Amino acid sequence: ALDDFADGIKHGPDKHSNMPSDGTVHELTRN
């Protein structure tokens, strides 16, 4: 599960989802 988490970040399903319109910190970074 830990390995899958790391791979999930790298190979996430959509690299463009939930992009902040103002260039602030992305939700993925926080999480």
PDB file of all heavy atoms in Angstrom:
ATOM      1  N   ALA A   1       0.833  -1.206   0.000  1.00  0.00           N
ATOM      2  CA  ALA A   1       0.000   0.000   0.000  1.00  0.00           C
ATOM      3  C   ALA A   1       0.869   1.257   0.000  1.00  0.00           C
ATOM      4  O   ALA A   1       0.567   2.238  -0.699  1.00  0.00           O
ATOM      5  CB  ALA A   1      -0.941   0.002   1.203  1.00  0.00           C
ATOM      6  N   LEU A   2       1.958   1.247   0.758  1.00  0.00           N
ATOM      7  CA  LEU A   2       2.890   2.380   0.753  1.00  0.00           C
ATOM      8  C   LEU A   2       3.523   2.546  -0.628  1.00  0.00           C
ATOM      9  O   LEU A   2       3.659   3.666  -1.131  1.00  0.00           O
ATOM     10  CB  LEU A   2       3.976   2.191   1.812  1.00  0.00           C
ATOM     11  CG  LEU A   2       3.541   2.321   3.264  1.00  0.00           C
ATOM     12  CD1 LEU A   2       4.663   1.879   4.194  1.00  0.00           C
ATOM     13  CD2 LEU A   2       3.099   3.737   3.578  1.00  0.00           C
ATOM     14  N   ASP A   3       3.912   1.444  -1.218  1.00  0.00           N
ATOM     15  CA  ASP A   3       4.499   1.458  -2.559  1.00  0.00           C
ATOM     16  C   ASP A   3       3.489   1.996  -3.575  1.00  0.00           C
ATOM     17  O   ASP A   3       3.836   2.817  -4.431  1.00  0.00           O
ATOM     18  CB  ASP A   3       4.948   0.047  -2.919  1.00  0.00           C
ATOM     19  CG  ASP A   3       5.882   0.012  -4.104  1.00  0.00           C
ATOM     20  OD1 ASP A   3       6.812   0.840  -4.145  1.00  0.00           O
ATOM     21  OD2 ASP A   3       5.680  -0.844  -4.982  1.00  0.00           O
ATOM     22  N   ASP A   4       2.261   1.548  -3.473  1.00  0.00           N
ATOM     23  CA  ASP A   4       1.198   2.019  -4.375  1.00  0.00           C
ATOM     24  C   ASP A   4       0.940   3.514  -4.198  1.00  0.00           C
ATOM     25  O   ASP A   4       0.637   4.215  -5.160  1.00  0.00           O
ATOM     26  CB  ASP A   4      -0.101   1.238  -4.150  1.00  0.00           C
ATOM     27  CG  ASP A   4      -0.006  -0.195  -4.629  1.00  0.00           C
ATOM     28  OD1 ASP A   4       0.965  -0.532  -5.358  1.00  0.00           O
ATOM     29  OD2 ASP A   4      -0.897  -0.990  -4.255  1.00  0.00           O
ATOM     30  N   PHE A   5       1.054   4.001  -2.962  1.00  0.00           N
ATOM     31  CA  PHE A   5       0.871   5.435  -2.706  1.00  0.00           C
ATOM     32  C   PHE A   5       1.908   6.240  -3.480  1.00  0.00           C
ATOM     33  O   PHE A   5       1.578   7.217  -4.159  1.00  0.00           O
ATOM     34  CB  PHE A   5       0.971   5.727  -1.206  1.00  0.00           C
ATOM     35  CG  PHE A   5       0.923   7.191  -0.867  1.00  0.00           C
ATOM     36  CD1 PHE A   5      -0.282   7.877  -0.868  1.00  0.00           C
ATOM     37  CD2 PHE A   5       2.086   7.883  -0.562  1.00  0.00           C
ATOM     38  CE1 PHE A   5      -0.326   9.231  -0.577  1.00  0.00           C
ATOM     39  CE2 PHE A   5       2.045   9.237  -0.264  1.00  0.00           C
ATOM     40  CZ  PHE A   5       0.834   9.909  -0.266  1.00  0.00           C
ATOM     41  N   ALA A   6       3.173   5.827  -3.383  1.00  0.00           N
ATOM     42  CA  ALA A   6       4.246   6.537  -4.093  1.00  0.00           C
ATOM     43  C   ALA A   6       4.029   6.477  -5.602  1.00  0.00           C
ATOM     44  O   ALA A   6       4.184   7.484  -6.300  1.00  0.00           O
ATOM     45  CB  ALA A   6       5.606   5.955  -3.719  1.00  0.00           C
ATOM     46  N   ASP A   7       3.674   5.308  -6.101  1.00  0.00           N
ATOM     47  CA  ASP A   7       3.417   5.167  -7.538  1.00  0.00           C
ATOM     48  C   ASP A   7       2.196   5.973  -7.963  1.00  0.00           C
ATOM     49  O   ASP A   7       2.160   6.516  -9.060  1.00  0.00           O
ATOM     50  CB  ASP A   7       3.220   3.696  -7.916  1.00  0.00           C
ATOM     51  CG  ASP A   7       4.519   2.914  -7.916  1.00  0.00           C
ATOM     52  OD1 ASP A   7       5.598   3.550  -7.961  1.00  0.00           O
ATOM     53  OD2 ASP A   7       4.457   1.671  -7.850  1.00  0.00           O
ATOM     54  N   GLY A   8       1.203   6.043  -7.093  1.00  0.00           N
ATOM     55  CA  GLY A   8      -0.002   6.810  -7.392  1.00  0.00           C
ATOM     56  C   GLY A   8       0.272   8.290  -7.552  1.00  0.00           C
ATOM     57  O   GLY A   8      -0.358   8.973  -8.367  1.00  0.00           O
ATOM     58  N   ILE A   9       1.214   8.792  -6.795  1.00  0.00           N
ATOM     59  CA  ILE A   9       1.588  10.205  -6.930  1.00  0.00           C
ATOM     60  C   ILE A   9       2.286  10.421  -8.271  1.00  0.00           C
ATOM     61  O   ILE A   9       1.985  11.355  -8.997  1.00  0.00           O
ATOM     62  CB  ILE A   9       2.490  10.647  -5.766  1.00  0.00           C
ATOM     63  CG1 ILE A   9       1.686  10.660  -4.472  1.00  0.00           C
ATOM     64  CG2 ILE A   9       3.090  12.029  -6.035  1.00  0.00           C
ATOM     65  CD1 ILE A   9       2.517  10.880  -3.243  1.00  0.00           C
ATOM     66  N   LYS A  10       3.196   9.531  -8.583  1.00  0.00           N
ATOM     67  CA  LYS A  10       3.967   9.670  -9.815  1.00  0.00           C
ATOM     68  C   LYS A  10       3.110   9.449 -11.052  1.00  0.00           C
ATOM     69  O   LYS A  10       3.202  10.183 -12.028  1.00  0.00           O
ATOM     70  CB  LYS A  10       5.121   8.679  -9.810  1.00  0.00           C
ATOM     71  CG  LYS A  10       6.075   8.825 -10.970  1.00  0.00           C
ATOM     72  CD  LYS A  10       7.237   7.875 -10.823  1.00  0.00           C
ATOM     73  CE  LYS A  10       8.210   8.022 -11.969  1.00  0.00           C
ATOM     74  NZ  LYS A  10       9.334   7.083 -11.821  1.00  0.00           N
ATOM     75  N   HIS A  11       2.276   8.439 -11.008  1.00  0.00           N
ATOM     76  CA  HIS A  11       1.476   8.051 -12.168  1.00  0.00           C
ATOM     77  C   HIS A  11      -0.001   8.341 -11.924  1.00  0.00           C
ATOM     78  O   HIS A  11      -0.849   7.544 -12.302  1.00  0.00           O
ATOM     79  CB  HIS A  11       1.649   6.555 -12.468  1.00  0.00           C
ATOM     80  CG  HIS A  11       3.062   6.144 -12.656  1.00  0.00           C
ATOM     81  ND1 HIS A  11       3.820   6.564 -13.722  1.00  0.00           N
ATOM     82  CD2 HIS A  11       3.886   5.372 -11.905  1.00  0.00           C
ATOM     83  CE1 HIS A  11       5.041   6.054 -13.626  1.00  0.00           C
ATOM     84  NE2 HIS A  11       5.108   5.330 -12.531  1.00  0.00           N
ATOM     85  N   GLY A  12      -0.282   9.457 -11.276  1.00  0.00           N
ATOM     86  CA  GLY A  12      -1.667   9.814 -10.971  1.00  0.00           C
ATOM     87  C   GLY A  12      -2.550   9.772 -12.197  1.00  0.00           C
ATOM     88  O   GLY A  12      -2.080   9.974 -13.319  1.00  0.00           O
ATOM     89  N   PRO A  13      -3.843   9.498 -12.012  1.00  0.00           N
ATOM     90  CA  PRO A  13      -4.739   9.344 -13.146  1.00  0.00           C
ATOM     91  C   PRO A  13      -4.865  10.596 -14.007  1.00  0.00           C
ATOM     92  O   PRO A  13      -5.014  10.500 -15.207  1.00  0.00           O
ATOM     93  CB  PRO A  13      -6.083   8.991 -12.500  1.00  0.00           C
ATOM     94  CG  PRO A  13      -5.967   9.437 -11.083  1.00  0.00           C
ATOM     95  CD  PRO A  13      -4.507   9.380 -10.739  1.00  0.00           C
ATOM     96  N   ASP A  14      -4.780  11.760 -13.388  1.00  0.00           N
ATOM     97  CA  ASP A  14      -4.938  12.983 -14.161  1.00  0.00           C
ATOM     98  C   ASP A  14      -3.986  14.040 -13.628  1.00  0.00           C
ATOM     99  O   ASP A  14      -4.184  14.553 -12.530  1.00  0.00           O
ATOM    100  CB  ASP A  14      -6.381  13.489 -14.089  1.00  0.00           C
ATOM    101  CG  ASP A  14      -6.634  14.699 -14.967  1.00  0.00           C
ATOM    102  OD1 ASP A  14      -5.715  15.096 -15.707  1.00  0.00           O
ATOM    103  OD2 ASP A  14      -7.740  15.236 -14.922  1.00  0.00           O
ATOM    104  N   LYS A  15      -2.987  14.355 -14.405  1.00  0.00           N
ATOM    105  CA  LYS A  15      -1.982  15.331 -13.969  1.00  0.00           C
ATOM    106  C   LYS A  15      -2.528  16.759 -13.945  1.00  0.00           C
ATOM    107  O   LYS A  15      -1.889  17.659 -13.460  1.00  0.00           O
ATOM    108  CB  LYS A  15      -0.759  15.289 -14.896  1.00  0.00           C
ATOM    109  CG  LYS A  15      -0.099  13.947 -14.977  1.00  0.00           C
ATOM    110  CD  LYS A  15       0.701  13.656 -13.754  1.00  0.00           C
ATOM    111  CE  LYS A  15       1.517  12.412 -13.923  1.00  0.00           C
ATOM    112  NZ  LYS A  15       1.277  11.376 -12.994  1.00  0.00           N
ATOM    113  N   HIS A  16      -3.719  16.971 -14.488  1.00  0.00           N
ATOM    114  CA  HIS A  16      -4.241  18.331 -14.616  1.00  0.00           C
ATOM    115  C   HIS A  16      -5.469  18.588 -13.757  1.00  0.00           C
ATOM    116  O   HIS A  16      -6.100  19.623 -13.900  1.00  0.00           O
ATOM    117  CB  HIS A  16      -4.577  18.614 -16.084  1.00  0.00           C
ATOM    118  CG  HIS A  16      -3.471  18.243 -17.021  1.00  0.00           C
ATOM    119  ND1 HIS A  16      -2.225  18.811 -16.961  1.00  0.00           N
ATOM    120  CD2 HIS A  16      -3.406  17.331 -18.009  1.00  0.00           C
ATOM    121  CE1 HIS A  16      -1.444  18.284 -17.895  1.00  0.00           C
ATOM    122  NE2 HIS A  16      -2.136  17.376 -18.539  1.00  0.00           N
ATOM    123  N   SER A  17      -5.790  17.667 -12.877  1.00  0.00           N
ATOM    124  CA  SER A  17      -7.008  17.841 -12.096  1.00  0.00           C
ATOM    125  C   SER A  17      -6.811  18.796 -10.924  1.00  0.00           C
ATOM    126  O   SER A  17      -5.730  18.898 -10.359  1.00  0.00           O
ATOM    127  CB  SER A  17      -7.502  16.491 -11.585  1.00  0.00           C
ATOM    128  OG  SER A  17      -6.550  15.930 -10.709  1.00  0.00           O
ATOM    129  N   ASN A  18      -7.867  19.481 -10.599  1.00  0.00           N
ATOM    130  CA  ASN A  18      -7.914  20.373  -9.437  1.00  0.00           C
ATOM    131  C   ASN A  18      -6.807  21.420  -9.417  1.00  0.00           C
ATOM    132  O   ASN A  18      -6.249  21.718  -8.368  1.00  0.00           O
ATOM    133  CB  ASN A  18      -7.870  19.569  -8.139  1.00  0.00           C
ATOM    134  CG  ASN A  18      -8.990  18.576  -8.032  1.00  0.00           C
ATOM    135  OD1 ASN A  18     -10.094  18.820  -8.508  1.00  0.00           O
ATOM    136  ND2 ASN A  18      -8.720  17.451  -7.407  1.00  0.00           N
ATOM    137  N   MET A  19      -6.484  21.959 -10.557  1.00  0.00           N
ATOM    138  CA  MET A  19      -5.414  22.955 -10.616  1.00  0.00           C
ATOM    139  C   MET A  19      -5.910  24.285 -10.066  1.00  0.00           C
ATOM    140  O   MET A  19      -6.957  24.779 -10.486  1.00  0.00           O
ATOM    141  CB  MET A  19      -4.942  23.142 -12.062  1.00  0.00           C
ATOM    142  CG  MET A  19      -4.192  21.946 -12.614  1.00  0.00           C
ATOM    143  SD  MET A  19      -2.712  21.553 -11.679  1.00  0.00           S
ATOM    144  CE  MET A  19      -1.692  22.959 -12.053  1.00  0.00           C
ATOM    145  N   PRO A  20      -5.170  24.856  -9.120  1.00  0.00           N
ATOM    146  CA  PRO A  20      -5.552  26.168  -8.605  1.00  0.00           C
ATOM    147  C   PRO A  20      -5.368  27.235  -9.694  1.00  0.00           C
ATOM    148  O   PRO A  20      -4.315  27.284 -10.337  1.00  0.00           O
ATOM    149  CB  PRO A  20      -4.606  26.395  -7.431  1.00  0.00           C
ATOM    150  CG  PRO A  20      -3.475  25.456  -7.637  1.00  0.00           C
ATOM    151  CD  PRO A  20      -3.980  24.326  -8.479  1.00  0.00           C
ATOM    152  N   SER A  21      -6.370  28.038  -9.896  1.00  0.00           N
ATOM    153  CA  SER A  21      -6.311  29.021 -10.973  1.00  0.00           C
ATOM    154  C   SER A  21      -5.302  30.137 -10.698  1.00  0.00           C
ATOM    155  O   SER A  21      -4.859  30.813 -11.616  1.00  0.00           O
ATOM    156  CB  SER A  21      -7.698  29.629 -11.205  1.00  0.00           C
ATOM    157  OG  SER A  21      -8.147  30.268 -10.028  1.00  0.00           O
ATOM    158  N   ASP A  22      -4.924  30.309  -9.443  1.00  0.00           N
ATOM    159  CA  ASP A  22      -4.013  31.395  -9.079  1.00  0.00           C
ATOM    160  C   ASP A  22      -2.587  30.937  -8.789  1.00  0.00           C
ATOM    161  O   ASP A  22      -1.762  31.705  -8.314  1.00  0.00           O
ATOM    162  CB  ASP A  22      -4.571  32.153  -7.874  1.00  0.00           C
ATOM    163  CG  ASP A  22      -4.803  31.256  -6.665  1.00  0.00           C
ATOM    164  OD1 ASP A  22      -4.603  30.026  -6.775  1.00  0.00           O
ATOM    165  OD2 ASP A  22      -5.193  31.786  -5.607  1.00  0.00           O
ATOM    166  N   GLY A  23      -2.267  29.662  -9.058  1.00  0.00           N
ATOM    167  CA  GLY A  23      -0.900  29.178  -8.884  1.00  0.00           C
ATOM    168  C   GLY A  23      -0.514  28.883  -7.449  1.00  0.00           C
ATOM    169  O   GLY A  23       0.669  28.772  -7.142  1.00  0.00           O
ATOM    170  N   THR A  24      -1.488  28.725  -6.572  1.00  0.00           N
ATOM    171  CA  THR A  24      -1.178  28.430  -5.172  1.00  0.00           C
ATOM    172  C   THR A  24      -0.832  26.950  -5.000  1.00  0.00           C
ATOM    173  O   THR A  24      -0.829  26.183  -5.948  1.00  0.00           O
ATOM    174  CB  THR A  24      -2.357  28.812  -4.258  1.00  0.00           C
ATOM    175  OG1 THR A  24      -3.541  28.168  -4.739  1.00  0.00           O
ATOM    176  CG2 THR A  24      -2.560  30.316  -4.222  1.00  0.00           C
ATOM    177  N   VAL A  25      -0.576  26.553  -3.770  1.00  0.00           N
ATOM    178  CA  VAL A  25      -0.163  25.187  -3.457  1.00  0.00           C
ATOM    179  C   VAL A  25      -1.268  24.208  -3.834  1.00  0.00           C
ATOM    180  O   VAL A  25      -2.435  24.408  -3.510  1.00  0.00           O
ATOM    181  CB  VAL A  25       0.192  25.058  -1.956  1.00  0.00           C
ATOM    182  CG1 VAL A  25       0.518  23.624  -1.591  1.00  0.00           C
ATOM    183  CG2 VAL A  25       1.344  25.980  -1.608  1.00  0.00           C
ATOM    184  N   HIS A  26      -0.870  23.144  -4.516  1.00  0.00           N
ATOM    185  CA  HIS A  26      -1.823  22.136  -4.978  1.00  0.00           C
ATOM    186  C   HIS A  26      -2.248  21.230  -3.816  1.00  0.00           C
ATOM    187  O   HIS A  26      -1.466  20.961  -2.901  1.00  0.00           O
ATOM    188  CB  HIS A  26      -1.200  21.292  -6.089  1.00  0.00           C
ATOM    189  CG  HIS A  26      -2.196  20.507  -6.866  1.00  0.00           C
ATOM    190  ND1 HIS A  26      -2.669  19.302  -6.434  1.00  0.00           N
ATOM    191  CD2 HIS A  26      -2.824  20.770  -8.031  1.00  0.00           C
ATOM    192  CE1 HIS A  26      -3.545  18.835  -7.310  1.00  0.00           C
ATOM    193  NE2 HIS A  26      -3.652  19.712  -8.300  1.00  0.00           N
ATOM    194  N   GLU A  27      -3.460  20.756  -3.902  1.00  0.00           N
ATOM    195  CA  GLU A  27      -4.019  19.848  -2.899  1.00  0.00           C
ATOM    196  C   GLU A  27      -3.163  18.588  -2.741  1.00  0.00           C
ATOM    197  O   GLU A  27      -2.984  18.083  -1.636  1.00  0.00           O
ATOM    198  CB  GLU A  27      -5.443  19.486  -3.332  1.00  0.00           C
ATOM    199  CG  GLU A  27      -6.156  18.511  -2.465  1.00  0.00           C
ATOM    200  CD  GLU A  27      -7.532  18.161  -3.012  1.00  0.00           C
ATOM    201  OE1 GLU A  27      -7.863  18.529  -4.156  1.00  0.00           O
ATOM    202  OE2 GLU A  27      -8.261  17.485  -2.279  1.00  0.00           O
ATOM    203  N   LEU A  28      -2.609  18.079  -3.825  1.00  0.00           N
ATOM    204  CA  LEU A  28      -1.768  16.884  -3.774  1.00  0.00           C
ATOM    205  C   LEU A  28      -0.534  17.126  -2.904  1.00  0.00           C
ATOM    206  O   LEU A  28      -0.126  16.243  -2.144  1.00  0.00           O
ATOM    207  CB  LEU A  28      -1.339  16.469  -5.187  1.00  0.00           C
ATOM    208  CG  LEU A  28      -0.401  15.267  -5.269  1.00  0.00           C
ATOM    209  CD1 LEU A  28      -1.099  13.999  -4.780  1.00  0.00           C
ATOM    210  CD2 LEU A  28       0.099  15.083  -6.686  1.00  0.00           C
ATOM    211  N   THR A  29       0.043  18.303  -2.997  1.00  0.00           N
ATOM    212  CA  THR A  29       1.220  18.637  -2.192  1.00  0.00           C
ATOM    213  C   THR A  29       0.869  18.593  -0.711  1.00  0.00           C
ATOM    214  O   THR A  29       1.572  17.974   0.090  1.00  0.00           O
ATOM    215  CB  THR A  29       1.762  20.031  -2.578  1.00  0.00           C
ATOM    216  OG1 THR A  29       2.057  20.035  -3.973  1.00  0.00           O
ATOM    217  CG2 THR A  29       3.004  20.382  -1.788  1.00  0.00           C
ATOM    218  N   ARG A  30      -0.220  19.248  -0.354  1.00  0.00           N
ATOM    219  CA  ARG A  30      -0.651  19.258   1.050  1.00  0.00           C
ATOM    220  C   ARG A  30      -0.937  17.844   1.547  1.00  0.00           C
ATOM    221  O   ARG A  30      -0.477  17.446   2.617  1.00  0.00           O
ATOM    222  CB  ARG A  30      -1.906  20.120   1.215  1.00  0.00           C
ATOM    223  CG  ARG A  30      -1.637  21.594   1.255  1.00  0.00           C
ATOM    224  CD  ARG A  30      -2.917  22.341   1.676  1.00  0.00           C
ATOM    225  NE  ARG A  30      -2.978  23.629   1.028  1.00  0.00           N
ATOM    226  CZ  ARG A  30      -3.526  23.864  -0.169  1.00  0.00           C
ATOM    227  NH1 ARG A  30      -4.085  22.908  -0.847  1.00  0.00           N
ATOM    228  NH2 ARG A  30      -3.526  25.080  -0.665  1.00  0.00           N
ATOM    229  N   ASN A  31      -1.713  17.103   0.776  1.00  0.00           N
ATOM    230  CA  ASN A  31      -2.107  15.757   1.199  1.00  0.00           C
ATOM    231  C   ASN A  31      -0.911  14.818   1.320  1.00  0.00           C
ATOM    232  O   ASN A  31      -0.847  13.991   2.235  1.00  0.00           O
ATOM    233  CB  ASN A  31      -3.140  15.175   0.237  1.00  0.00           C
ATOM    234  CG  ASN A  31      -4.470  15.881   0.323  1.00  0.00           C
ATOM    235  OD1 ASN A  31      -4.769  16.575   1.299  1.00  0.00           O
ATOM    236  ND2 ASN A  31      -5.279  15.734  -0.699  1.00  0.00           N
TER     237      ASN A  31
END
